[in-house]
């Protein structure tokens, strides 16, 4: 699966402390990307429970995931989109609970 980011995500990411960026990247490598690969093969595959992926209320098609439960309380929002008949993950926001104000 390919990934893309929104300008809001890129801005949010740059504001994260380096150690928080590293934590997010580690969660991507270890859990999120393998789950996306599985989802590409099997659209009915479940997300890993540790990521707590669920729909964002009031934002149709937007999902959230938890990448850290402590210092910081790390959240990210994303959507799965199809571009040229290919499933992609579009990262929308990253940070703490504030990302839900404009997911």
PDB file of N, CA and C in Angstrom:
ATOM      1  N   UNK A   1       0.841  -1.170   0.000  1.00  0.00           N
ATOM      2  CA  UNK A   1       0.000   0.000   0.000  1.00  0.00           C
ATOM      3  C   UNK A   1       0.891   1.239   0.000  1.00  0.00           C
ATOM      4  N   UNK A   2       0.480   2.228  -0.759  1.00  0.00           N
ATOM      5  CA  UNK A   2       1.199   3.496  -0.779  1.00  0.00           C
ATOM      6  C   UNK A   2       0.605   4.424   0.267  1.00  0.00           C
ATOM      7  N   UNK A   3       1.411   5.379   0.686  1.00  0.00           N
ATOM      8  CA  UNK A   3       1.004   6.345   1.695  1.00  0.00           C
ATOM      9  C   UNK A   3       1.189   7.750   1.154  1.00  0.00           C
ATOM     10  N   UNK A   4       0.316   8.647   1.581  1.00  0.00           N
ATOM     11  CA  UNK A   4       0.466  10.056   1.249  1.00  0.00           C
ATOM     12  C   UNK A   4       0.059  10.871   2.470  1.00  0.00           C
ATOM     13  N   UNK A   5       0.423  12.127   2.485  1.00  0.00           N
ATOM     14  CA  UNK A   5       0.133  12.978   3.630  1.00  0.00           C
ATOM     15  C   UNK A   5      -0.534  14.271   3.169  1.00  0.00           C
ATOM     16  N   UNK A   6      -1.291  14.863   4.074  1.00  0.00           N
ATOM     17  CA  UNK A   6      -1.882  16.176   3.822  1.00  0.00           C
ATOM     18  C   UNK A   6      -0.926  17.240   4.354  1.00  0.00           C
ATOM     19  N   UNK A   7      -1.063  18.482   3.901  1.00  0.00           N
ATOM     20  CA  UNK A   7      -0.248  19.559   4.467  1.00  0.00           C
ATOM     21  C   UNK A   7      -0.440  19.696   5.986  1.00  0.00           C
ATOM     22  N   UNK A   8      -1.657  19.473   6.481  1.00  0.00           N
ATOM     23  CA  UNK A   8      -1.911  19.558   7.924  1.00  0.00           C
ATOM     24  C   UNK A   8      -1.103  18.496   8.671  1.00  0.00           C
ATOM     25  N   UNK A   9      -1.056  17.272   8.137  1.00  0.00           N
ATOM     26  CA  UNK A   9      -0.268  16.211   8.762  1.00  0.00           C
ATOM     27  C   UNK A   9       1.207  16.596   8.796  1.00  0.00           C
ATOM     28  N   UNK A  10       1.713  17.079   7.675  1.00  0.00           N
ATOM     29  CA  UNK A  10       3.127  17.441   7.595  1.00  0.00           C
ATOM     30  C   UNK A  10       3.475  18.525   8.611  1.00  0.00           C
ATOM     31  N   UNK A  11       2.606  19.505   8.760  1.00  0.00           N
ATOM     32  CA  UNK A  11       2.815  20.573   9.735  1.00  0.00           C
ATOM     33  C   UNK A  11       2.771  20.027  11.163  1.00  0.00           C
ATOM     34  N   UNK A  12       1.771  19.180  11.442  1.00  0.00           N
ATOM     35  CA  UNK A  12       1.658  18.553  12.765  1.00  0.00           C
ATOM     36  C   UNK A  12       2.902  17.732  13.079  1.00  0.00           C
ATOM     37  N   UNK A  13       3.349  16.959  12.104  1.00  0.00           N
ATOM     38  CA  UNK A  13       4.500  16.062  12.305  1.00  0.00           C
ATOM     39  C   UNK A  13       5.758  16.860  12.643  1.00  0.00           C
ATOM     40  N   UNK A  14       5.967  17.963  11.929  1.00  0.00           N
ATOM     41  CA  UNK A  14       7.152  18.785  12.189  1.00  0.00           C
ATOM     42  C   UNK A  14       7.148  19.351  13.607  1.00  0.00           C
ATOM     43  N   UNK A  15       5.963  19.550  14.190  1.00  0.00           N
ATOM     44  CA  UNK A  15       5.864  20.088  15.551  1.00  0.00           C
ATOM     45  C   UNK A  15       6.112  19.032  16.633  1.00  0.00           C
ATOM     46  N   UNK A  16       6.057  17.751  16.268  1.00  0.00           N
ATOM     47  CA  UNK A  16       6.323  16.698  17.246  1.00  0.00           C
ATOM     48  C   UNK A  16       7.787  16.721  17.659  1.00  0.00           C
ATOM     49  N   UNK A  17       8.051  16.371  18.907  1.00  0.00           N
ATOM     50  CA  UNK A  17       9.435  16.202  19.348  1.00  0.00           C
ATOM     51  C   UNK A  17      10.049  15.047  18.564  1.00  0.00           C
ATOM     52  N   UNK A  18      11.347  15.089  18.387  1.00  0.00           N
ATOM     53  CA  UNK A  18      12.023  14.036  17.604  1.00  0.00           C
ATOM     54  C   UNK A  18      11.775  12.647  18.163  1.00  0.00           C
ATOM     55  N   UNK A  19      11.781  12.516  19.493  1.00  0.00           N
ATOM     56  CA  UNK A  19      11.549  11.194  20.080  1.00  0.00           C
ATOM     57  C   UNK A  19      10.122  10.715  19.822  1.00  0.00           C
ATOM     58  N   UNK A  20       9.183  11.646  19.704  1.00  0.00           N
ATOM     59  CA  UNK A  20       7.805  11.260  19.393  1.00  0.00           C
ATOM     60  C   UNK A  20       7.680  10.878  17.915  1.00  0.00           C
ATOM     61  N   UNK A  21       8.406  11.575  17.061  1.00  0.00           N
ATOM     62  CA  UNK A  21       8.446  11.187  15.650  1.00  0.00           C
ATOM     63  C   UNK A  21       9.008   9.773  15.521  1.00  0.00           C
ATOM     64  N   UNK A  22      10.060   9.478  16.286  1.00  0.00           N
ATOM     65  CA  UNK A  22      10.684   8.154  16.242  1.00  0.00           C
ATOM     66  C   UNK A  22       9.712   7.080  16.731  1.00  0.00           C
ATOM     67  N   UNK A  23       8.956   7.382  17.769  1.00  0.00           N
ATOM     68  CA  UNK A  23       7.961   6.425  18.272  1.00  0.00           C
ATOM     69  C   UNK A  23       6.917   6.151  17.206  1.00  0.00           C
ATOM     70  N   UNK A  24       6.416   7.210  16.570  1.00  0.00           N
ATOM     71  CA  UNK A  24       5.410   7.050  15.513  1.00  0.00           C
ATOM     72  C   UNK A  24       5.957   6.188  14.374  1.00  0.00           C
ATOM     73  N   UNK A  25       7.173   6.479  13.927  1.00  0.00           N
ATOM     74  CA  UNK A  25       7.768   5.696  12.834  1.00  0.00           C
ATOM     75  C   UNK A  25       7.939   4.233  13.221  1.00  0.00           C
ATOM     76  N   UNK A  26       8.308   3.976  14.476  1.00  0.00           N
ATOM     77  CA  UNK A  26       8.466   2.588  14.933  1.00  0.00           C
ATOM     78  C   UNK A  26       7.131   1.853  14.908  1.00  0.00           C
ATOM     79  N   UNK A  27       6.065   2.512  15.345  1.00  0.00           N
ATOM     80  CA  UNK A  27       4.734   1.893  15.319  1.00  0.00           C
ATOM     81  C   UNK A  27       4.319   1.627  13.874  1.00  0.00           C
ATOM     82  N   UNK A  28       4.643   2.543  12.980  1.00  0.00           N
ATOM     83  CA  UNK A  28       4.338   2.319  11.561  1.00  0.00           C
ATOM     84  C   UNK A  28       5.031   1.057  11.064  1.00  0.00           C
ATOM     85  N   UNK A  29       6.336   0.991  11.298  1.00  0.00           N
ATOM     86  CA  UNK A  29       7.128  -0.162  10.818  1.00  0.00           C
ATOM     87  C   UNK A  29       6.645  -1.473  11.405  1.00  0.00           C
ATOM     88  N   UNK A  30       6.432  -1.475  12.722  1.00  0.00           N
ATOM     89  CA  UNK A  30       6.156  -2.723  13.429  1.00  0.00           C
ATOM     90  C   UNK A  30       4.708  -3.188  13.346  1.00  0.00           C
ATOM     91  N   UNK A  31       3.764  -2.255  13.264  1.00  0.00           N
ATOM     92  CA  UNK A  31       2.358  -2.646  13.338  1.00  0.00           C
ATOM     93  C   UNK A  31       1.492  -2.134  12.194  1.00  0.00           C
ATOM     94  N   UNK A  32       1.594  -0.833  11.897  1.00  0.00           N
ATOM     95  CA  UNK A  32       0.643  -0.247  10.954  1.00  0.00           C
ATOM     96  C   UNK A  32       0.888  -0.697   9.516  1.00  0.00           C
ATOM     97  N   UNK A  33       2.112  -0.609   9.051  1.00  0.00           N
ATOM     98  CA  UNK A  33       2.403  -0.992   7.663  1.00  0.00           C
ATOM     99  C   UNK A  33       2.108  -2.473   7.421  1.00  0.00           C
ATOM    100  N   UNK A  34       2.513  -3.392   8.320  1.00  0.00           N
ATOM    101  CA  UNK A  34       2.117  -4.790   8.106  1.00  0.00           C
ATOM    102  C   UNK A  34       0.595  -4.972   8.067  1.00  0.00           C
ATOM    103  N   UNK A  35      -0.133  -4.209   8.888  1.00  0.00           N
ATOM    104  CA  UNK A  35      -1.598  -4.309   8.875  1.00  0.00           C
ATOM    105  C   UNK A  35      -2.161  -3.793   7.555  1.00  0.00           C
ATOM    106  N   UNK A  36      -1.578  -2.731   7.013  1.00  0.00           N
ATOM    107  CA  UNK A  36      -2.015  -2.207   5.719  1.00  0.00           C
ATOM    108  C   UNK A  36      -1.723  -3.197   4.599  1.00  0.00           C
ATOM    109  N   UNK A  37      -0.572  -3.841   4.667  1.00  0.00           N
ATOM    110  CA  UNK A  37      -0.239  -4.861   3.661  1.00  0.00           C
ATOM    111  C   UNK A  37      -1.261  -5.993   3.702  1.00  0.00           C
ATOM    112  N   UNK A  38      -1.625  -6.402   4.913  1.00  0.00           N
ATOM    113  CA  UNK A  38      -2.633  -7.459   5.053  1.00  0.00           C
ATOM    114  C   UNK A  38      -3.978  -6.986   4.524  1.00  0.00           C
ATOM    115  N   UNK A  39      -4.330  -5.747   4.807  1.00  0.00           N
ATOM    116  CA  UNK A  39      -5.599  -5.179   4.336  1.00  0.00           C
ATOM    117  C   UNK A  39      -5.643  -5.131   2.810  1.00  0.00           C
ATOM    118  N   UNK A  40      -4.503  -4.856   2.189  1.00  0.00           N
ATOM    119  CA  UNK A  40      -4.430  -4.850   0.720  1.00  0.00           C
ATOM    120  C   UNK A  40      -4.721  -6.233   0.154  1.00  0.00           C
ATOM    121  N   UNK A  41      -4.238  -7.266   0.853  1.00  0.00           N
ATOM    122  CA  UNK A  41      -4.467  -8.646   0.398  1.00  0.00           C
ATOM    123  C   UNK A  41      -5.872  -9.116   0.742  1.00  0.00           C
ATOM    124  N   UNK A  42      -6.365  -8.702   1.926  1.00  0.00           N
ATOM    125  CA  UNK A  42      -7.662  -9.155   2.420  1.00  0.00           C
ATOM    126  C   UNK A  42      -8.416  -7.966   3.009  1.00  0.00           C
ATOM    127  N   UNK A  43      -9.327  -7.349   2.233  1.00  0.00           N
ATOM    128  CA  UNK A  43     -10.052  -6.169   2.713  1.00  0.00           C
ATOM    129  C   UNK A  43     -10.840  -6.398   4.008  1.00  0.00           C
ATOM    130  N   UNK A  44     -11.070  -7.626   4.381  1.00  0.00           N
ATOM    131  CA  UNK A  44     -11.788  -7.927   5.616  1.00  0.00           C
ATOM    132  C   UNK A  44     -10.880  -8.146   6.815  1.00  0.00           C
ATOM    133  N   UNK A  45      -9.581  -7.991   6.611  1.00  0.00           N
ATOM    134  CA  UNK A  45      -8.624  -8.229   7.703  1.00  0.00           C
ATOM    135  C   UNK A  45      -8.827  -7.205   8.821  1.00  0.00           C
ATOM    136  N   UNK A  46      -8.729  -7.650  10.069  1.00  0.00           N
ATOM    137  CA  UNK A  46      -8.896  -6.711  11.183  1.00  0.00           C
ATOM    138  C   UNK A  46      -7.607  -5.920  11.438  1.00  0.00           C
ATOM    139  N   UNK A  47      -7.768  -4.735  12.000  1.00  0.00           N
ATOM    140  CA  UNK A  47      -6.625  -3.944  12.436  1.00  0.00           C
ATOM    141  C   UNK A  47      -6.091  -4.539  13.736  1.00  0.00           C
ATOM    142  N   UNK A  48      -4.797  -4.428  14.005  1.00  0.00           N
ATOM    143  CA  UNK A  48      -4.269  -4.898  15.288  1.00  0.00           C
ATOM    144  C   UNK A  48      -4.946  -4.145  16.439  1.00  0.00           C
ATOM    145  N   UNK A  49      -5.375  -4.860  17.440  1.00  0.00           N
ATOM    146  CA  UNK A  49      -6.064  -4.244  18.581  1.00  0.00           C
ATOM    147  C   UNK A  49      -5.211  -3.178  19.256  1.00  0.00           C
ATOM    148  N   UNK A  50      -3.900  -3.353  19.261  1.00  0.00           N
ATOM    149  CA  UNK A  50      -3.002  -2.407  19.923  1.00  0.00           C
ATOM    150  C   UNK A  50      -3.059  -1.008  19.307  1.00  0.00           C
ATOM    151  N   UNK A  51      -3.476  -0.906  18.039  1.00  0.00           N
ATOM    152  CA  UNK A  51      -3.548   0.396  17.377  1.00  0.00           C
ATOM    153  C   UNK A  51      -4.855   1.131  17.663  1.00  0.00           C
ATOM    154  N   UNK A  52      -5.845   0.417  18.174  1.00  0.00           N
ATOM    155  CA  UNK A  52      -7.157   0.998  18.480  1.00  0.00           C
ATOM    156  C   UNK A  52      -7.714   1.800  17.312  1.00  0.00           C
ATOM    157  N   UNK A  53      -7.675   1.241  16.117  1.00  0.00           N
ATOM    158  CA  UNK A  53      -8.205   1.914  14.928  1.00  0.00           C
ATOM    159  C   UNK A  53      -9.724   1.903  15.000  1.00  0.00           C
ATOM    160  N   UNK A  54     -10.316   3.085  14.797  1.00  0.00           N
ATOM    161  CA  UNK A  54     -11.771   3.203  14.775  1.00  0.00           C
ATOM    162  C   UNK A  54     -12.151   4.443  13.992  1.00  0.00           C
ATOM    163  N   UNK A  55     -13.418   4.516  13.621  1.00  0.00           N
ATOM    164  CA  UNK A  55     -13.930   5.655  12.859  1.00  0.00           C
ATOM    165  C   UNK A  55     -13.992   6.894  13.747  1.00  0.00           C
ATOM    166  N   UNK A  56     -13.715   8.042  13.147  1.00  0.00           N
ATOM    167  CA  UNK A  56     -13.830   9.319  13.848  1.00  0.00           C
ATOM    168  C   UNK A  56     -15.274   9.782  13.720  1.00  0.00           C
ATOM    169  N   UNK A  57     -15.907  10.058  14.839  1.00  0.00           N
ATOM    170  CA  UNK A  57     -17.294  10.535  14.825  1.00  0.00           C
ATOM    171  C   UNK A  57     -17.396  11.869  14.098  1.00  0.00           C
ATOM    172  N   UNK A  58     -18.401  11.963  13.241  1.00  0.00           N
ATOM    173  CA  UNK A  58     -18.663  13.213  12.538  1.00  0.00           C
ATOM    174  C   UNK A  58     -17.721  13.504  11.387  1.00  0.00           C
ATOM    175  N   UNK A  59     -16.866  12.567  11.026  1.00  0.00           N
ATOM    176  CA  UNK A  59     -15.928  12.752   9.914  1.00  0.00           C
ATOM    177  C   UNK A  59     -15.969  11.490   9.057  1.00  0.00           C
ATOM    178  N   UNK A  60     -16.933  11.434   8.184  1.00  0.00           N
ATOM    179  CA  UNK A  60     -17.168  10.240   7.359  1.00  0.00           C
ATOM    180  C   UNK A  60     -15.906   9.817   6.607  1.00  0.00           C
ATOM    181  N   UNK A  61     -15.553   8.534   6.752  1.00  0.00           N
ATOM    182  CA  UNK A  61     -14.420   7.961   6.044  1.00  0.00           C
ATOM    183  C   UNK A  61     -13.082   8.178   6.719  1.00  0.00           C
ATOM    184  N   UNK A  62     -13.061   8.954   7.812  1.00  0.00           N
ATOM    185  CA  UNK A  62     -11.804   9.224   8.509  1.00  0.00           C
ATOM    186  C   UNK A  62     -11.672   8.256   9.678  1.00  0.00           C
ATOM    187  N   UNK A  63     -10.493   7.674   9.801  1.00  0.00           N
ATOM    188  CA  UNK A  63     -10.194   6.737  10.876  1.00  0.00           C
ATOM    189  C   UNK A  63      -9.144   7.343  11.801  1.00  0.00           C
ATOM    190  N   UNK A  64      -9.110   6.851  13.012  1.00  0.00           N
ATOM    191  CA  UNK A  64      -8.073   7.269  13.955  1.00  0.00           C
ATOM    192  C   UNK A  64      -7.315   6.053  14.431  1.00  0.00           C
ATOM    193  N   UNK A  65      -6.112   6.295  14.846  1.00  0.00           N
ATOM    194  CA  UNK A  65      -5.316   5.233  15.466  1.00  0.00           C
ATOM    195  C   UNK A  65      -4.501   5.842  16.594  1.00  0.00           C
ATOM    196  N   UNK A  66      -4.205   5.009  17.575  1.00  0.00           N
ATOM    197  CA  UNK A  66      -3.395   5.438  18.708  1.00  0.00           C
ATOM    198  C   UNK A  66      -1.990   4.903  18.516  1.00  0.00           C
ATOM    199  N   UNK A  67      -1.010   5.794  18.473  1.00  0.00           N
ATOM    200  CA  UNK A  67       0.370   5.346  18.302  1.00  0.00           C
ATOM    201  C   UNK A  67       1.169   5.457  19.587  1.00  0.00           C
ATOM    202  N   UNK A  68       0.590   6.070  20.611  1.00  0.00           N
ATOM    203  CA  UNK A  68       1.248   6.129  21.915  1.00  0.00           C
ATOM    204  C   UNK A  68       0.193   6.367  22.984  1.00  0.00           C
ATOM    205  N   UNK A  69       0.315   5.654  24.089  1.00  0.00           N
ATOM    206  CA  UNK A  69      -0.625   5.815  25.186  1.00  0.00           C
ATOM    207  C   UNK A  69      -0.072   6.702  26.294  1.00  0.00           C
ATOM    208  N   UNK A  70       1.183   7.053  26.200  1.00  0.00           N
ATOM    209  CA  UNK A  70       1.781   7.889  27.239  1.00  0.00           C
ATOM    210  C   UNK A  70       2.853   8.776  26.628  1.00  0.00           C
ATOM    211  N   UNK A  71       2.966   9.939  27.157  1.00  0.00           N
ATOM    212  CA  UNK A  71       3.987  10.922  26.803  1.00  0.00           C
ATOM    213  C   UNK A  71       4.550  10.796  25.396  1.00  0.00           C
ATOM    214  N   UNK A  72       3.877  11.267  24.387  1.00  0.00           N
ATOM    215  CA  UNK A  72       2.591  11.936  24.438  1.00  0.00           C
ATOM    216  C   UNK A  72       1.457  10.936  24.273  1.00  0.00           C
ATOM    217  N   UNK A  73       0.255  11.408  24.456  1.00  0.00           N
ATOM    218  CA  UNK A  73      -0.925  10.623  24.135  1.00  0.00           C
ATOM    219  C   UNK A  73      -1.083  10.770  22.624  1.00  0.00           C
ATOM    220  N   UNK A  74      -0.420   9.902  21.864  1.00  0.00           N
ATOM    221  CA  UNK A  74      -0.293  10.070  20.424  1.00  0.00           C
ATOM    222  C   UNK A  74      -1.444   9.500  19.618  1.00  0.00           C
ATOM    223  N   UNK A  75      -2.022  10.353  18.801  1.00  0.00           N
ATOM    224  CA  UNK A  75      -3.123   9.976  17.906  1.00  0.00           C
ATOM    225  C   UNK A  75      -2.785  10.419  16.489  1.00  0.00           C
ATOM    226  N   UNK A  76      -3.362   9.732  15.536  1.00  0.00           N
ATOM    227  CA  UNK A  76      -3.237  10.143  14.147  1.00  0.00           C
ATOM    228  C   UNK A  76      -4.538   9.804  13.437  1.00  0.00           C
ATOM    229  N   UNK A  77      -4.916  10.652  12.492  1.00  0.00           N
ATOM    230  CA  UNK A  77      -6.099  10.368  11.691  1.00  0.00           C
ATOM    231  C   UNK A  77      -5.656  10.093  10.258  1.00  0.00           C
ATOM    232  N   UNK A  78      -6.414   9.244   9.604  1.00  0.00           N
ATOM    233  CA  UNK A  78      -6.086   8.864   8.237  1.00  0.00           C
ATOM    234  C   UNK A  78      -7.354   8.423   7.528  1.00  0.00           C
ATOM    235  N   UNK A  79      -7.251   8.275   6.233  1.00  0.00           N
ATOM    236  CA  UNK A  79      -8.353   7.726   5.447  1.00  0.00           C
ATOM    237  C   UNK A  79      -7.772   6.793   4.402  1.00  0.00           C
ATOM    238  N   UNK A  80      -8.546   5.809   4.045  1.00  0.00           N
ATOM    239  CA  UNK A  80      -8.155   4.890   2.984  1.00  0.00           C
ATOM    240  C   UNK A  80      -8.856   5.358   1.721  1.00  0.00           C
ATOM    241  N   UNK A  81      -8.077   5.655   0.707  1.00  0.00           N
ATOM    242  CA  UNK A  81      -8.600   6.193  -0.542  1.00  0.00           C
ATOM    243  C   UNK A  81      -8.122   5.326  -1.694  1.00  0.00           C
ATOM    244  N   UNK A  82      -8.831   5.400  -2.788  1.00  0.00           N
ATOM    245  CA  UNK A  82      -8.435   4.682  -3.997  1.00  0.00           C
ATOM    246  C   UNK A  82      -7.980   5.697  -5.036  1.00  0.00           C
ATOM    247  N   UNK A  83      -6.772   5.507  -5.530  1.00  0.00           N
ATOM    248  CA  UNK A  83      -6.200   6.355  -6.565  1.00  0.00           C
ATOM    249  C   UNK A  83      -5.740   5.436  -7.683  1.00  0.00           C
ATOM    250  N   UNK A  84      -6.277   5.645  -8.881  1.00  0.00           N
ATOM    251  CA  UNK A  84      -5.927   4.796 -10.029  1.00  0.00           C
ATOM    252  C   UNK A  84      -6.111   3.321  -9.700  1.00  0.00           C
ATOM    253  N   UNK A  85      -7.248   2.986  -9.103  1.00  0.00           N
ATOM    254  CA  UNK A  85      -7.593   1.609  -8.729  1.00  0.00           C
ATOM    255  C   UNK A  85      -6.634   0.997  -7.712  1.00  0.00           C
ATOM    256  N   UNK A  86      -5.938   1.829  -6.963  1.00  0.00           N
ATOM    257  CA  UNK A  86      -4.985   1.353  -5.962  1.00  0.00           C
ATOM    258  C   UNK A  86      -5.366   1.932  -4.594  1.00  0.00           C
ATOM    259  N   UNK A  87      -5.417   1.063  -3.581  1.00  0.00           N
ATOM    260  CA  UNK A  87      -5.738   1.498  -2.229  1.00  0.00           C
ATOM    261  C   UNK A  87      -4.540   2.216  -1.626  1.00  0.00           C
ATOM    262  N   UNK A  88      -4.805   3.387  -1.027  1.00  0.00           N
ATOM    263  CA  UNK A  88      -3.752   4.174  -0.386  1.00  0.00           C
ATOM    264  C   UNK A  88      -4.205   4.636   0.987  1.00  0.00           C
ATOM    265  N   UNK A  89      -3.240   4.913   1.826  1.00  0.00           N
ATOM    266  CA  UNK A  89      -3.493   5.489   3.136  1.00  0.00           C
ATOM    267  C   UNK A  89      -3.076   6.958   3.073  1.00  0.00           C
ATOM    268  N   UNK A  90      -4.032   7.835   3.355  1.00  0.00           N
ATOM    269  CA  UNK A  90      -3.746   9.271   3.376  1.00  0.00           C
ATOM    270  C   UNK A  90      -3.752   9.741   4.828  1.00  0.00           C
ATOM    271  N   UNK A  91      -2.586  10.111   5.328  1.00  0.00           N
ATOM    272  CA  UNK A  91      -2.475  10.635   6.680  1.00  0.00           C
ATOM    273  C   UNK A  91      -2.995  12.054   6.706  1.00  0.00           C
ATOM    274  N   UNK A  92      -3.879  12.348   7.665  1.00  0.00           N
ATOM    275  CA  UNK A  92      -4.530  13.655   7.737  1.00  0.00           C
ATOM    276  C   UNK A  92      -3.992  14.539   8.858  1.00  0.00           C
ATOM    277  N   UNK A  93      -3.897  14.000  10.065  1.00  0.00           N
ATOM    278  CA  UNK A  93      -3.437  14.770  11.234  1.00  0.00           C
ATOM    279  C   UNK A  93      -2.645  13.852  12.156  1.00  0.00           C
ATOM    280  N   UNK A  94      -1.802  14.446  13.000  1.00  0.00           N
ATOM    281  CA  UNK A  94      -1.062  13.686  14.004  1.00  0.00           C
ATOM    282  C   UNK A  94      -0.807  14.587  15.204  1.00  0.00           C
ATOM    283  N   UNK A  95      -0.861  13.994  16.379  1.00  0.00           N
ATOM    284  CA  UNK A  95      -0.625  14.752  17.605  1.00  0.00           C
ATOM    285  C   UNK A  95      -1.340  14.100  18.767  1.00  0.00           C
ATOM    286  N   UNK A  96      -2.062  14.911  19.549  1.00  0.00           N
ATOM    287  CA  UNK A  96      -2.831  14.389  20.677  1.00  0.00           C
ATOM    288  C   UNK A  96      -4.324  14.503  20.351  1.00  0.00           C
ATOM    289  N   UNK A  97      -5.162  14.530  21.360  1.00  0.00           N
ATOM    290  CA  UNK A  97      -6.609  14.587  21.120  1.00  0.00           C
ATOM    291  C   UNK A  97      -7.042  15.818  20.329  1.00  0.00           C
ATOM    292  N   UNK A  98      -6.223  16.839  20.270  1.00  0.00           N
ATOM    293  CA  UNK A  98      -6.569  18.042  19.506  1.00  0.00           C
ATOM    294  C   UNK A  98      -6.773  17.751  18.018  1.00  0.00           C
ATOM    295  N   UNK A  99      -6.196  16.657  17.521  1.00  0.00           N
ATOM    296  CA  UNK A  99      -6.364  16.346  16.090  1.00  0.00           C
ATOM    297  C   UNK A  99      -7.822  16.070  15.759  1.00  0.00           C
ATOM    298  N   UNK A 100      -8.638  15.745  16.758  1.00  0.00           N
ATOM    299  CA  UNK A 100     -10.037  15.423  16.494  1.00  0.00           C
ATOM    300  C   UNK A 100     -10.887  16.680  16.270  1.00  0.00           C
ATOM    301  N   UNK A 101     -10.345  17.856  16.572  1.00  0.00           N
ATOM    302  CA  UNK A 101     -11.078  19.101  16.319  1.00  0.00           C
ATOM    303  C   UNK A 101     -11.264  19.326  14.835  1.00  0.00           C
ATOM    304  N   UNK A 102     -10.249  18.969  14.051  1.00  0.00           N
ATOM    305  CA  UNK A 102     -10.295  19.045  12.588  1.00  0.00           C
ATOM    306  C   UNK A 102      -9.581  17.825  12.034  1.00  0.00           C
ATOM    307  N   UNK A 103     -10.260  16.666  12.097  1.00  0.00           N
ATOM    308  CA  UNK A 103      -9.589  15.396  11.742  1.00  0.00           C
ATOM    309  C   UNK A 103      -9.208  15.320  10.285  1.00  0.00           C
TER     310      UNK A 103
END
